[in-house]
N, C-alpha and C. Protein backbone atom coordinates (compact mmCIF):
# COMPACT_ATOMS: atom_id res chain seq x y z
N MET A 1 -27.84 -49.08 31.49
CA MET A 1 -26.83 -48.57 32.11
C MET A 1 -25.44 -49.40 32.19
N SER A 2 -24.40 -48.68 32.10
CA SER A 2 -23.18 -49.51 31.96
C SER A 2 -22.71 -50.23 33.26
N ASP A 3 -22.06 -51.35 33.26
CA ASP A 3 -21.64 -51.88 34.55
C ASP A 3 -20.66 -50.92 35.37
N ASP A 4 -19.81 -50.37 34.68
CA ASP A 4 -18.97 -49.33 35.42
C ASP A 4 -19.89 -48.40 36.14
N ARG A 5 -20.66 -47.89 35.60
CA ARG A 5 -21.64 -46.85 36.23
C ARG A 5 -22.46 -47.50 37.37
N ARG A 6 -22.92 -48.78 37.22
CA ARG A 6 -23.58 -49.45 38.31
C ARG A 6 -22.67 -49.95 39.30
N VAL A 7 -21.26 -50.09 39.06
CA VAL A 7 -20.18 -50.67 40.39
C VAL A 7 -19.95 -49.14 40.81
N ARG A 8 -19.91 -47.99 40.11
CA ARG A 8 -19.52 -46.74 40.91
C ARG A 8 -20.81 -46.49 41.84
N ARG A 9 -22.08 -46.48 41.31
CA ARG A 9 -22.95 -46.21 42.22
C ARG A 9 -23.21 -46.99 43.34
N THR A 10 -23.24 -48.20 43.10
CA THR A 10 -23.17 -49.25 44.30
C THR A 10 -21.94 -48.89 45.26
N ARG A 11 -20.66 -48.78 44.79
CA ARG A 11 -19.71 -48.38 45.85
C ARG A 11 -19.83 -47.11 46.32
N ARG A 12 -20.39 -46.08 45.68
CA ARG A 12 -20.72 -44.76 46.43
C ARG A 12 -21.75 -44.80 47.41
N ALA A 13 -22.85 -45.76 47.22
CA ALA A 13 -23.84 -45.95 47.97
C ALA A 13 -23.46 -46.45 49.31
N ILE A 14 -22.45 -47.53 49.27
CA ILE A 14 -22.02 -48.24 50.48
C ILE A 14 -20.98 -47.24 51.14
N ARG A 15 -20.27 -46.22 50.56
CA ARG A 15 -19.38 -45.45 51.22
C ARG A 15 -20.18 -44.33 51.95
N GLU A 16 -21.30 -44.04 51.28
CA GLU A 16 -22.13 -42.94 51.91
C GLU A 16 -22.84 -43.55 53.12
N ALA A 17 -23.21 -44.72 53.06
CA ALA A 17 -23.78 -45.40 54.07
C ALA A 17 -22.95 -45.47 55.38
N LEU A 18 -21.75 -45.77 55.03
CA LEU A 18 -20.79 -45.80 56.27
C LEU A 18 -20.57 -44.50 56.89
N VAL A 19 -20.51 -43.47 55.94
CA VAL A 19 -20.28 -42.05 56.44
C VAL A 19 -21.31 -41.56 57.25
N ALA A 20 -22.66 -41.85 57.05
CA ALA A 20 -23.70 -41.26 57.61
C ALA A 20 -23.88 -42.31 59.08
N LEU A 21 -23.55 -43.49 58.97
CA LEU A 21 -23.59 -44.25 60.15
C LEU A 21 -22.65 -43.89 61.13
N ILE A 22 -21.26 -43.57 60.78
CA ILE A 22 -20.29 -43.13 61.57
C ILE A 22 -20.83 -41.71 62.14
N LEU A 23 -21.23 -40.93 61.56
CA LEU A 23 -21.90 -39.59 62.25
C LEU A 23 -22.99 -39.80 63.01
N GLU A 24 -23.74 -40.96 62.90
CA GLU A 24 -24.74 -41.16 63.80
C GLU A 24 -24.18 -41.94 65.02
N LYS A 25 -23.51 -43.02 64.99
CA LYS A 25 -23.17 -43.56 66.14
C LYS A 25 -21.73 -44.18 66.28
N GLY A 26 -20.76 -43.49 65.36
CA GLY A 26 -19.38 -43.57 65.71
C GLY A 26 -19.12 -45.08 64.82
N TYR A 27 -17.70 -44.93 64.39
CA TYR A 27 -17.11 -46.01 63.69
C TYR A 27 -17.31 -47.18 64.61
N ASP A 28 -16.73 -47.40 65.54
CA ASP A 28 -16.84 -48.62 66.38
C ASP A 28 -17.97 -49.30 66.39
N ALA A 29 -19.09 -48.61 66.49
CA ALA A 29 -20.45 -49.21 66.81
C ALA A 29 -21.18 -49.53 65.56
N VAL A 30 -20.49 -49.16 64.36
CA VAL A 30 -20.92 -49.54 63.02
C VAL A 30 -20.61 -51.08 62.61
N THR A 31 -21.56 -51.86 62.04
CA THR A 31 -21.40 -53.26 61.63
C THR A 31 -21.48 -53.29 60.19
N VAL A 32 -20.93 -54.13 59.55
CA VAL A 32 -21.33 -54.37 58.11
C VAL A 32 -22.91 -54.62 57.97
N THR A 33 -23.43 -55.26 58.66
CA THR A 33 -24.81 -55.36 58.51
C THR A 33 -25.68 -54.02 58.47
N ASP A 34 -25.03 -53.00 59.46
CA ASP A 34 -25.75 -51.85 59.35
C ASP A 34 -25.48 -51.10 58.14
N VAL A 35 -24.20 -51.20 57.39
CA VAL A 35 -23.87 -50.74 56.33
C VAL A 35 -24.97 -51.30 55.09
N ILE A 36 -24.88 -52.43 55.12
CA ILE A 36 -25.63 -53.27 54.03
C ILE A 36 -26.97 -52.71 53.94
N GLU A 37 -27.76 -52.61 55.35
CA GLU A 37 -28.99 -52.08 55.43
C GLU A 37 -29.17 -50.76 54.99
N ARG A 38 -28.26 -49.80 55.26
CA ARG A 38 -28.33 -48.44 55.02
C ARG A 38 -28.14 -48.25 53.55
N ALA A 39 -27.29 -48.97 52.78
CA ALA A 39 -27.08 -48.79 51.46
C ALA A 39 -28.02 -49.59 50.52
N ASP A 40 -28.71 -50.36 51.28
CA ASP A 40 -29.87 -51.07 50.61
C ASP A 40 -29.24 -51.92 49.56
N VAL A 41 -28.22 -52.68 49.84
CA VAL A 41 -27.47 -53.67 49.02
C VAL A 41 -27.54 -55.23 49.49
N GLY A 42 -27.34 -56.16 49.00
CA GLY A 42 -27.29 -57.43 49.53
C GLY A 42 -25.88 -57.73 50.13
N ARG A 43 -25.62 -58.51 50.96
CA ARG A 43 -24.49 -59.11 51.62
C ARG A 43 -23.42 -59.36 50.70
N SER A 44 -23.74 -60.30 49.49
CA SER A 44 -22.83 -60.75 48.30
C SER A 44 -22.59 -59.58 47.52
N THR A 45 -23.42 -58.47 47.46
CA THR A 45 -22.90 -57.38 46.75
C THR A 45 -21.91 -56.53 47.49
N PHE A 46 -22.17 -56.13 48.74
CA PHE A 46 -21.25 -55.73 49.53
C PHE A 46 -19.76 -56.29 49.50
N TYR A 47 -19.92 -57.68 49.79
CA TYR A 47 -18.59 -58.32 49.53
C TYR A 47 -17.93 -58.42 48.20
N ALA A 48 -18.67 -58.27 47.38
CA ALA A 48 -18.15 -58.11 45.87
C ALA A 48 -17.35 -57.05 45.73
N HIS A 49 -17.62 -55.95 46.66
CA HIS A 49 -16.91 -54.69 46.39
C HIS A 49 -15.88 -54.33 47.43
N PHE A 50 -16.10 -54.84 48.60
CA PHE A 50 -15.36 -54.67 49.93
C PHE A 50 -15.08 -55.69 50.77
N HIS A 51 -13.95 -55.79 51.46
CA HIS A 51 -13.76 -56.87 52.32
C HIS A 51 -14.47 -56.84 53.57
N ASP A 52 -14.50 -55.57 54.27
CA ASP A 52 -15.11 -55.10 55.47
C ASP A 52 -15.26 -53.72 55.67
N LYS A 53 -15.69 -53.39 56.67
CA LYS A 53 -16.03 -51.95 56.98
C LYS A 53 -14.85 -51.08 56.97
N GLN A 54 -13.67 -51.70 57.40
CA GLN A 54 -12.39 -50.83 57.10
C GLN A 54 -11.90 -50.62 55.84
N ASP A 55 -12.16 -51.66 54.87
CA ASP A 55 -12.08 -51.38 53.52
C ASP A 55 -12.69 -50.40 52.97
N VAL A 56 -14.24 -50.03 53.41
CA VAL A 56 -15.18 -48.99 53.04
C VAL A 56 -14.33 -47.76 53.35
N LEU A 57 -13.95 -47.81 54.73
CA LEU A 57 -13.40 -46.50 55.39
C LEU A 57 -12.17 -46.14 54.55
N VAL A 58 -11.38 -46.89 54.31
CA VAL A 58 -10.07 -46.76 53.35
C VAL A 58 -10.48 -46.22 52.10
N SER A 59 -11.47 -46.61 51.52
CA SER A 59 -12.04 -46.07 50.05
C SER A 59 -12.52 -44.71 50.14
N ASN A 60 -12.96 -44.46 51.44
CA ASN A 60 -13.46 -42.90 51.36
C ASN A 60 -12.21 -41.93 51.43
N ILE A 61 -11.10 -42.44 51.78
CA ILE A 61 -9.93 -41.61 51.70
C ILE A 61 -9.68 -41.20 50.35
N GLU A 62 -9.97 -41.69 49.44
CA GLU A 62 -9.95 -41.29 47.92
C GLU A 62 -10.45 -39.91 48.11
N GLN A 63 -11.62 -39.70 48.49
CA GLN A 63 -12.45 -38.68 48.28
C GLN A 63 -11.77 -37.32 48.86
N LEU A 64 -10.57 -37.73 49.64
CA LEU A 64 -10.07 -36.51 50.25
C LEU A 64 -8.79 -35.77 49.45
N ALA A 65 -9.06 -35.07 48.67
CA ALA A 65 -7.85 -34.70 47.71
C ALA A 65 -6.79 -34.07 48.66
N PHE A 66 -7.12 -33.45 49.62
CA PHE A 66 -6.19 -32.80 50.43
C PHE A 66 -5.08 -33.74 51.12
N LEU A 67 -5.49 -34.97 51.22
CA LEU A 67 -4.18 -36.01 51.65
C LEU A 67 -3.46 -36.42 50.69
N ARG A 68 -3.50 -35.80 49.49
CA ARG A 68 -2.61 -36.13 48.26
C ARG A 68 -1.37 -35.22 48.34
N PRO A 69 -0.21 -35.75 48.48
CA PRO A 69 1.07 -34.75 48.55
C PRO A 69 0.79 -33.89 47.23
N GLU A 70 0.45 -33.84 46.22
CA GLU A 70 0.43 -32.95 45.26
C GLU A 70 -0.56 -31.98 45.37
N THR A 71 -1.15 -31.85 46.49
CA THR A 71 -1.90 -30.71 46.93
C THR A 71 -1.05 -29.51 47.27
N SER A 72 0.07 -29.60 47.69
CA SER A 72 1.04 -28.73 48.07
C SER A 72 1.38 -27.90 46.75
N ALA A 73 1.13 -26.66 46.73
CA ALA A 73 1.51 -25.92 45.47
C ALA A 73 2.29 -24.86 45.89
N ALA A 74 2.49 -23.82 45.03
CA ALA A 74 3.13 -22.57 45.24
C ALA A 74 4.60 -22.83 45.73
N PRO A 75 5.60 -23.39 44.99
CA PRO A 75 6.78 -23.47 45.16
C PRO A 75 7.77 -22.45 46.10
N GLY A 76 8.21 -22.76 47.14
CA GLY A 76 8.72 -21.63 47.86
C GLY A 76 7.86 -21.28 49.20
N GLU A 77 6.73 -21.47 48.92
CA GLU A 77 5.87 -21.01 50.27
C GLU A 77 5.72 -22.23 51.25
N LEU A 78 6.02 -21.87 52.40
CA LEU A 78 5.82 -23.03 53.56
C LEU A 78 4.41 -23.36 53.64
N PHE A 79 4.04 -24.36 53.62
CA PHE A 79 2.66 -25.03 54.16
C PHE A 79 1.50 -24.52 53.02
N ALA A 80 1.96 -24.63 51.93
CA ALA A 80 1.17 -24.18 50.77
C ALA A 80 -0.18 -25.03 50.78
N PHE A 81 -0.08 -26.13 51.47
CA PHE A 81 -1.29 -27.05 51.51
C PHE A 81 -2.35 -26.44 52.47
N SER A 82 -2.09 -25.46 53.35
CA SER A 82 -3.08 -25.11 54.42
C SER A 82 -4.22 -24.65 53.87
N LEU A 83 -4.26 -23.46 53.21
CA LEU A 83 -5.47 -22.76 52.67
C LEU A 83 -6.12 -23.71 51.97
N PRO A 84 -5.57 -24.28 50.74
CA PRO A 84 -6.30 -25.33 49.96
C PRO A 84 -7.05 -26.41 50.70
N THR A 85 -6.48 -26.94 51.61
CA THR A 85 -6.89 -28.06 52.43
C THR A 85 -8.29 -27.41 53.31
N PHE A 86 -8.04 -26.51 53.80
CA PHE A 86 -9.17 -25.89 54.54
C PHE A 86 -10.33 -25.65 53.56
N GLU A 87 -10.10 -25.01 52.46
CA GLU A 87 -11.23 -24.82 51.50
C GLU A 87 -11.85 -26.12 50.96
N HIS A 88 -11.06 -27.18 50.76
CA HIS A 88 -11.38 -28.50 50.32
C HIS A 88 -12.20 -29.29 51.32
N VAL A 89 -11.88 -28.90 52.65
CA VAL A 89 -12.70 -29.45 53.78
C VAL A 89 -13.99 -28.83 54.02
N ARG A 90 -14.17 -27.59 53.48
CA ARG A 90 -15.38 -26.87 53.77
C ARG A 90 -16.39 -27.55 52.70
N GLU A 91 -15.86 -28.00 51.56
CA GLU A 91 -16.72 -28.52 50.46
C GLU A 91 -16.99 -30.04 50.98
N GLN A 92 -16.11 -30.62 51.53
CA GLN A 92 -16.44 -32.13 51.94
C GLN A 92 -16.59 -32.11 53.55
N ARG A 93 -16.99 -31.26 54.16
CA ARG A 93 -17.18 -31.19 55.45
C ARG A 93 -17.86 -32.46 56.18
N ARG A 94 -18.91 -32.85 55.66
CA ARG A 94 -19.52 -34.11 56.35
C ARG A 94 -18.72 -35.50 56.27
N LEU A 95 -18.07 -35.61 55.04
CA LEU A 95 -17.03 -36.78 54.95
C LEU A 95 -15.93 -36.47 55.81
N VAL A 96 -15.24 -35.56 56.10
CA VAL A 96 -14.26 -35.32 56.59
C VAL A 96 -14.33 -35.38 58.35
N ARG A 97 -15.56 -35.02 58.59
CA ARG A 97 -16.19 -35.03 59.83
C ARG A 97 -16.17 -36.40 60.43
N ALA A 98 -16.88 -37.46 59.36
CA ALA A 98 -16.81 -38.75 59.55
C ALA A 98 -15.47 -39.38 59.89
N LEU A 99 -14.61 -38.92 58.98
CA LEU A 99 -13.44 -39.94 58.73
C LEU A 99 -12.37 -39.29 59.91
N LEU A 100 -12.11 -37.76 59.91
CA LEU A 100 -11.18 -37.30 60.91
C LEU A 100 -11.81 -36.75 62.11
N GLY A 101 -13.31 -36.58 62.51
CA GLY A 101 -13.64 -36.08 63.65
C GLY A 101 -13.45 -37.15 64.93
N ARG A 102 -14.21 -36.74 65.82
CA ARG A 102 -14.00 -37.53 67.34
C ARG A 102 -14.87 -38.81 66.92
N ARG A 103 -15.78 -38.92 66.02
CA ARG A 103 -16.66 -40.21 65.71
C ARG A 103 -16.15 -41.34 64.90
N GLY A 104 -14.89 -40.72 64.26
CA GLY A 104 -14.31 -41.72 63.27
C GLY A 104 -13.29 -42.67 63.81
N GLY A 105 -13.08 -43.71 62.89
CA GLY A 105 -12.00 -44.58 63.45
C GLY A 105 -10.55 -43.98 63.43
N GLY A 106 -9.78 -44.53 63.96
CA GLY A 106 -8.27 -44.15 64.26
C GLY A 106 -7.38 -44.48 62.90
N LEU A 107 -7.97 -45.05 61.93
CA LEU A 107 -6.97 -45.37 60.84
C LEU A 107 -7.05 -44.26 59.83
N VAL A 108 -7.95 -43.45 59.67
CA VAL A 108 -7.77 -42.51 58.56
C VAL A 108 -7.00 -41.32 59.11
N PRO A 109 -7.27 -40.97 60.53
CA PRO A 109 -6.26 -39.86 61.21
C PRO A 109 -4.94 -40.34 61.07
N ALA A 110 -4.47 -41.50 61.40
CA ALA A 110 -3.20 -41.97 61.39
C ALA A 110 -2.59 -42.04 59.91
N ARG A 111 -3.38 -42.36 59.04
CA ARG A 111 -2.77 -42.15 57.60
C ARG A 111 -2.65 -40.86 57.13
N GLY A 112 -3.81 -39.83 57.55
CA GLY A 112 -3.72 -38.46 57.11
C GLY A 112 -2.33 -37.94 57.83
N GLU A 113 -1.98 -38.36 59.06
CA GLU A 113 -0.95 -37.83 59.88
C GLU A 113 0.31 -38.11 58.86
N GLN A 114 0.58 -39.37 58.43
CA GLN A 114 1.56 -39.94 57.75
C GLN A 114 1.99 -39.08 56.36
N ILE A 115 0.74 -38.96 55.55
CA ILE A 115 0.86 -38.21 54.37
C ILE A 115 1.00 -36.83 54.38
N LEU A 116 0.60 -36.13 55.59
CA LEU A 116 0.76 -34.77 55.57
C LEU A 116 2.27 -34.52 56.26
N GLY A 117 2.63 -35.59 57.23
CA GLY A 117 4.12 -35.36 57.62
C GLY A 117 4.97 -35.42 56.43
N ARG A 118 4.94 -36.20 55.58
CA ARG A 118 5.93 -36.40 54.35
C ARG A 118 5.60 -34.98 53.52
N VAL A 119 4.51 -34.27 53.43
CA VAL A 119 4.51 -32.99 52.66
C VAL A 119 5.06 -31.86 53.60
N VAL A 120 4.87 -32.00 54.81
CA VAL A 120 5.68 -30.95 55.67
C VAL A 120 7.17 -31.01 55.61
N ARG A 121 7.41 -32.31 55.68
CA ARG A 121 8.99 -32.66 55.84
C ARG A 121 9.66 -32.14 54.56
N ASP A 122 8.92 -32.55 53.39
CA ASP A 122 9.48 -32.23 52.03
C ASP A 122 9.60 -30.70 51.99
N GLU A 123 8.52 -29.96 52.41
CA GLU A 123 8.49 -28.65 52.26
C GLU A 123 9.56 -27.91 53.11
N LEU A 124 9.74 -28.45 54.32
CA LEU A 124 10.80 -27.96 55.12
C LEU A 124 12.27 -28.24 54.51
N LEU A 125 12.55 -29.18 54.10
CA LEU A 125 13.76 -29.53 53.36
C LEU A 125 13.98 -28.75 52.23
N ALA A 126 12.96 -28.45 51.38
CA ALA A 126 13.07 -27.86 50.27
C ALA A 126 13.43 -26.25 50.75
N ALA A 127 12.87 -25.95 51.91
CA ALA A 127 13.07 -24.42 52.36
C ALA A 127 14.38 -24.40 53.01
N GLY A 128 15.23 -25.58 53.12
CA GLY A 128 16.72 -25.40 53.70
C GLY A 128 16.96 -26.02 54.99
N ALA A 129 15.95 -26.78 55.34
CA ALA A 129 16.20 -27.42 56.78
C ALA A 129 16.96 -28.72 56.44
N ARG A 130 17.75 -29.24 57.31
CA ARG A 130 18.44 -30.48 57.22
C ARG A 130 17.83 -31.49 58.22
N PRO A 131 18.02 -32.84 57.48
CA PRO A 131 17.53 -33.97 58.24
C PRO A 131 18.08 -33.83 59.52
N SER A 132 17.21 -34.16 60.46
CA SER A 132 17.98 -34.09 61.87
C SER A 132 16.68 -34.42 63.00
N PRO A 133 16.86 -34.78 64.12
CA PRO A 133 16.00 -35.13 65.16
C PRO A 133 15.22 -33.72 65.30
N ALA A 134 15.71 -32.83 65.42
CA ALA A 134 15.00 -31.55 65.64
C ALA A 134 13.78 -31.32 64.52
N LEU A 135 14.17 -31.56 63.11
CA LEU A 135 13.30 -31.53 62.06
C LEU A 135 12.24 -32.62 62.24
N ASP A 136 12.59 -33.83 62.79
CA ASP A 136 11.55 -34.77 63.03
C ASP A 136 10.68 -34.37 63.99
N ARG A 137 11.18 -33.50 65.16
CA ARG A 137 10.19 -33.08 66.07
C ARG A 137 9.31 -31.94 65.54
N LEU A 138 9.78 -31.22 64.91
CA LEU A 138 9.29 -29.85 64.15
C LEU A 138 8.04 -30.62 63.42
N VAL A 139 8.22 -31.49 62.60
CA VAL A 139 7.23 -32.16 61.55
C VAL A 139 6.24 -32.41 62.52
N ILE A 140 6.40 -33.40 63.56
CA ILE A 140 5.12 -33.83 64.29
C ILE A 140 4.46 -32.70 64.84
N CYS A 141 5.06 -31.64 65.38
CA CYS A 141 4.33 -30.40 65.94
C CYS A 141 3.42 -29.74 65.01
N VAL A 142 4.06 -29.54 63.76
CA VAL A 142 3.25 -28.80 62.63
C VAL A 142 2.05 -29.56 62.46
N VAL A 143 2.18 -30.85 62.10
CA VAL A 143 1.24 -31.80 61.68
C VAL A 143 0.41 -31.77 62.70
N GLY A 144 0.60 -31.88 64.04
CA GLY A 144 -0.39 -32.12 65.28
C GLY A 144 -1.15 -30.88 65.23
N ALA A 145 -0.60 -29.65 65.07
CA ALA A 145 -1.36 -28.35 65.15
C ALA A 145 -2.41 -28.39 63.94
N PHE A 146 -1.88 -28.58 62.91
CA PHE A 146 -2.70 -28.58 61.82
C PHE A 146 -3.99 -29.47 61.90
N LEU A 147 -3.69 -30.95 62.15
CA LEU A 147 -4.68 -31.49 62.44
C LEU A 147 -5.82 -31.52 63.60
N ALA A 148 -5.18 -30.82 64.60
CA ALA A 148 -6.07 -30.42 65.76
C ALA A 148 -6.90 -29.38 65.50
N LEU A 149 -6.52 -28.27 64.51
CA LEU A 149 -7.46 -27.21 64.27
C LEU A 149 -8.56 -27.64 63.30
N LEU A 150 -8.01 -28.50 62.33
CA LEU A 150 -8.94 -29.12 61.43
C LEU A 150 -10.23 -29.90 62.02
N ARG A 151 -9.81 -30.71 63.03
CA ARG A 151 -10.80 -31.40 63.73
C ARG A 151 -11.61 -30.95 64.51
N ALA A 152 -11.11 -29.71 65.16
CA ALA A 152 -12.01 -28.99 66.15
C ALA A 152 -13.01 -27.98 65.28
N TRP A 153 -12.42 -27.91 64.02
CA TRP A 153 -13.32 -26.97 63.02
C TRP A 153 -14.39 -28.05 62.45
N VAL A 154 -14.11 -29.25 61.87
CA VAL A 154 -15.18 -30.20 61.41
C VAL A 154 -16.16 -30.68 62.33
N ASP A 155 -15.59 -30.99 63.73
CA ASP A 155 -16.52 -31.16 64.73
C ASP A 155 -17.37 -30.05 65.42
N GLY A 156 -17.07 -28.82 64.76
CA GLY A 156 -18.03 -27.77 65.14
C GLY A 156 -17.51 -27.21 66.66
N ASP A 157 -16.38 -27.28 67.10
CA ASP A 157 -15.86 -26.61 68.33
C ASP A 157 -15.51 -25.23 68.07
N ILE A 158 -15.25 -24.90 66.77
CA ILE A 158 -14.88 -23.56 66.46
C ILE A 158 -15.42 -23.22 65.26
N SER A 159 -15.45 -22.04 65.08
CA SER A 159 -16.20 -21.41 63.86
C SER A 159 -15.28 -20.44 63.35
N ALA A 160 -14.76 -20.66 61.79
CA ALA A 160 -13.88 -19.88 61.25
C ALA A 160 -14.10 -20.32 59.70
N THR A 161 -13.53 -19.07 58.89
CA THR A 161 -13.56 -19.39 57.34
C THR A 161 -12.25 -20.11 57.18
N PRO A 162 -12.07 -20.76 55.97
CA PRO A 162 -10.91 -21.20 55.82
C PRO A 162 -9.69 -20.38 55.89
N ALA A 163 -9.77 -19.39 55.33
CA ALA A 163 -8.74 -18.05 55.33
C ALA A 163 -8.36 -17.78 56.76
N GLU A 164 -9.33 -17.86 57.69
CA GLU A 164 -8.89 -17.47 59.34
C GLU A 164 -8.35 -18.80 59.79
N LEU A 165 -8.65 -19.87 59.29
CA LEU A 165 -7.95 -20.98 59.88
C LEU A 165 -6.55 -21.28 59.39
N ASP A 166 -6.09 -20.79 58.09
CA ASP A 166 -5.09 -20.73 57.67
C ASP A 166 -4.12 -19.81 58.39
N ALA A 167 -4.69 -18.52 58.62
CA ALA A 167 -3.82 -17.39 59.32
C ALA A 167 -3.49 -17.88 60.52
N THR A 168 -4.45 -18.65 61.40
CA THR A 168 -4.12 -19.04 62.73
C THR A 168 -3.06 -19.96 62.76
N PHE A 169 -3.28 -21.08 61.66
CA PHE A 169 -2.26 -22.13 61.64
C PHE A 169 -1.02 -21.56 61.44
N ARG A 170 -0.61 -20.64 60.26
CA ARG A 170 0.52 -19.87 60.03
C ARG A 170 1.16 -19.15 61.24
N ALA A 171 0.39 -18.47 61.83
CA ALA A 171 0.68 -17.58 63.11
C ALA A 171 1.33 -18.30 64.29
N THR A 172 0.57 -19.35 64.16
CA THR A 172 0.98 -20.40 65.36
C THR A 172 2.30 -21.27 64.99
N VAL A 173 2.35 -21.60 63.99
CA VAL A 173 3.42 -22.58 63.70
C VAL A 173 4.83 -21.92 63.01
N LEU A 174 4.68 -20.89 62.24
CA LEU A 174 5.85 -20.39 61.76
C LEU A 174 7.08 -19.85 62.44
N PRO A 175 6.55 -19.12 63.62
CA PRO A 175 7.69 -18.79 64.53
C PRO A 175 8.39 -19.96 64.91
N GLY A 176 7.92 -21.03 65.17
CA GLY A 176 8.79 -22.07 65.56
C GLY A 176 9.43 -22.92 64.65
N VAL A 177 9.14 -22.60 63.37
CA VAL A 177 9.69 -23.24 62.03
C VAL A 177 10.96 -22.48 61.77
N ARG A 178 10.91 -21.05 61.82
CA ARG A 178 12.03 -20.47 61.27
C ARG A 178 13.30 -20.84 62.06
N PRO A 179 13.42 -20.84 63.35
CA PRO A 179 14.76 -21.24 64.01
C PRO A 179 15.25 -22.53 63.29
N VAL A 180 14.52 -23.56 63.17
CA VAL A 180 14.99 -24.67 62.45
C VAL A 180 15.46 -24.36 61.05
N LEU A 181 14.79 -23.58 60.45
CA LEU A 181 15.47 -23.23 59.02
C LEU A 181 16.61 -22.68 59.11
N LEU A 182 16.74 -21.69 60.03
CA LEU A 182 18.19 -20.96 60.27
C LEU A 182 19.23 -21.90 60.56
N GLN A 183 18.84 -22.94 61.23
CA GLN A 183 20.07 -23.84 61.53
C GLN A 183 20.54 -24.56 60.50
N GLY A 184 19.72 -24.85 59.33
CA GLY A 184 20.03 -25.54 58.19
C GLY A 184 20.93 -24.81 57.22
């Protein structure tokens, strides 16, 4: 087996161990020793790949394609990221639940909010909104609504298909977005 394959397999085992442990006992309760034991790797192996458990957590973000700005497609359609994101989350539900759900750490949701905020702001500017305090407040509201719906879904508080979630999100936020676009 090539070294690259071995490295990928070891890193994946450590990332998966952290996800499982977060789902079992919450991020704050997980220790590096817990991760090492669950992944069945030595301490020196762990530290050859990661600095600490936060580094492992951050590396899991790479698995979340929906947090990448290029996910936003369909030029001219507001919030084009919404349905593809819900569909991607359905496929990666366990990982997303560990990272963004109520048992995850605060780092990933904060990073997700920043990335999604840039996507939403760029879409609104492209649709004719002008930079303003009102736009800044609107971006916060749109991102908050989207992430609240996403978290409730991955935590099992609500049951819906990605299309139903997308429809709910759009029906909720688009009426508030239109006045800001008309001001632009």
